[in-house]
C-alpha atoms as a PDB file:
ATOM      1  CA  UNK A   1      24.566-107.570   1.152  1.00  0.00           C
ATOM      2  CA  UNK A   2      24.581-109.861   4.170  1.00  0.00           C
ATOM      3  CA  UNK A   3      24.896-108.996   7.865  1.00  0.00           C
ATOM      4  CA  UNK A   4      27.215-111.177   9.943  1.00  0.00           C
ATOM      5  CA  UNK A   5      27.314-111.325  13.743  1.00  0.00           C
ATOM      6  CA  UNK A   6      30.362-112.643  15.571  1.00  0.00           C
ATOM      7  CA  UNK A   7      28.568-114.413  18.425  1.00  0.00           C
ATOM      8  CA  UNK A   8      31.815-114.686  20.383  1.00  0.00           C
ATOM      9  CA  UNK A   9      32.080-110.884  20.534  1.00  0.00           C
ATOM     10  CA  UNK A  10      28.432-109.804  20.686  1.00  0.00           C
ATOM     11  CA  UNK A  11      27.237-108.655  24.110  1.00  0.00           C
ATOM     12  CA  UNK A  12      23.729-107.726  22.903  1.00  0.00           C
ATOM     13  CA  UNK A  13      24.154-104.076  23.861  1.00  0.00           C
ATOM     14  CA  UNK A  14      21.264-103.200  21.511  1.00  0.00           C
ATOM     15  CA  UNK A  15      23.057-100.288  19.862  1.00  0.00           C
ATOM     16  CA  UNK A  16      22.389-101.880  16.480  1.00  0.00           C
ATOM     17  CA  UNK A  17      18.743-102.440  17.352  1.00  0.00           C
ATOM     18  CA  UNK A  18      18.372 -98.739  18.082  1.00  0.00           C
ATOM     19  CA  UNK A  19      19.696 -97.939  14.610  1.00  0.00           C
ATOM     20  CA  UNK A  20      17.890-100.597  12.550  1.00  0.00           C
ATOM     21  CA  UNK A  21      14.970-102.250  14.333  1.00  0.00           C
ATOM     22  CA  UNK A  22      13.950-103.933  11.080  1.00  0.00           C
ATOM     23  CA  UNK A  23      17.160-105.984  11.108  1.00  0.00           C
ATOM     24  CA  UNK A  24      18.247-106.389  14.746  1.00  0.00           C
ATOM     25  CA  UNK A  25      16.373-107.459  17.876  1.00  0.00           C
ATOM     26  CA  UNK A  26      17.720-108.195  21.354  1.00  0.00           C
ATOM     27  CA  UNK A  27      15.607-110.785  23.134  1.00  0.00           C
ATOM     28  CA  UNK A  28      14.600-110.723  26.791  1.00  0.00           C
ATOM     29  CA  UNK A  29      17.412-113.246  27.331  1.00  0.00           C
ATOM     30  CA  UNK A  30      19.967-110.743  25.949  1.00  0.00           C
ATOM     31  CA  UNK A  31      20.561-112.561  22.686  1.00  0.00           C
ATOM     32  CA  UNK A  32      20.873-110.656  19.415  1.00  0.00           C
ATOM     33  CA  UNK A  33      18.563-111.951  16.704  1.00  0.00           C
ATOM     34  CA  UNK A  34      18.918-111.048  13.051  1.00  0.00           C
ATOM     35  CA  UNK A  35      15.434-110.393  11.715  1.00  0.00           C
ATOM     36  CA  UNK A  36      16.739-109.968   8.163  1.00  0.00           C
ATOM     37  CA  UNK A  37      20.162-111.388   7.355  1.00  0.00           C
ATOM     38  CA  UNK A  38      20.028-110.023   3.800  1.00  0.00           C
ATOM     39  CA  UNK A  39      18.428-106.575   4.073  1.00  0.00           C
ATOM     40  CA  UNK A  40      17.795-104.367   1.051  1.00  0.00           C
ATOM     41  CA  UNK A  41      20.562-102.195  -0.332  1.00  0.00           C
ATOM     42  CA  UNK A  42      18.508 -99.112   0.560  1.00  0.00           C
ATOM     43  CA  UNK A  43      19.366 -99.775   4.221  1.00  0.00           C
ATOM     44  CA  UNK A  44      23.139 -99.843   3.672  1.00  0.00           C
ATOM     45  CA  UNK A  45      23.858 -96.436   5.210  1.00  0.00           C
ATOM     46  CA  UNK A  46      22.033 -97.282   8.443  1.00  0.00           C
ATOM     47  CA  UNK A  47      23.595-100.724   8.624  1.00  0.00           C
ATOM     48  CA  UNK A  48      27.073 -99.318   8.118  1.00  0.00           C
ATOM     49  CA  UNK A  49      26.337 -96.979  11.035  1.00  0.00           C
ATOM     50  CA  UNK A  50      25.270 -99.965  13.148  1.00  0.00           C
ATOM     51  CA  UNK A  51      28.499-101.786  12.287  1.00  0.00           C
ATOM     52  CA  UNK A  52      30.618 -98.748  13.166  1.00  0.00           C
ATOM     53  CA  UNK A  53      28.789 -98.080  16.436  1.00  0.00           C
ATOM     54  CA  UNK A  54      28.866-101.654  17.728  1.00  0.00           C
ATOM     55  CA  UNK A  55      30.842-101.386  20.992  1.00  0.00           C
ATOM     56  CA  UNK A  56      32.381-104.851  20.551  1.00  0.00           C
ATOM     57  CA  UNK A  57      32.870-104.696  16.748  1.00  0.00           C
ATOM     58  CA  UNK A  58      30.758-107.847  16.480  1.00  0.00           C
ATOM     59  CA  UNK A  59      28.958-106.848  13.271  1.00  0.00           C
ATOM     60  CA  UNK A  60      30.111-106.837   9.691  1.00  0.00           C
ATOM     61  CA  UNK A  61      28.653-106.475   6.205  1.00  0.00           C
ATOM     62  CA  UNK A  62      29.579-108.941   3.485  1.00  0.00           C
ATOM     63  CA  UNK A  63      28.836-108.076  -0.134  1.00  0.00           C
END
């Protein structure tokens, strides 16, 4: 599983960070950083929630 961020859509709203702080971090400059681009399968449910809750639909999961 790999997390993909569409940088053209992402507004760094930090919704994803609130769901999975181990994977997402919004910097002080309002830039989304991926802390773990290939997180463990055990996190899938939370990451799917982050993808669904992204206000700009900037996140996706690639298997």
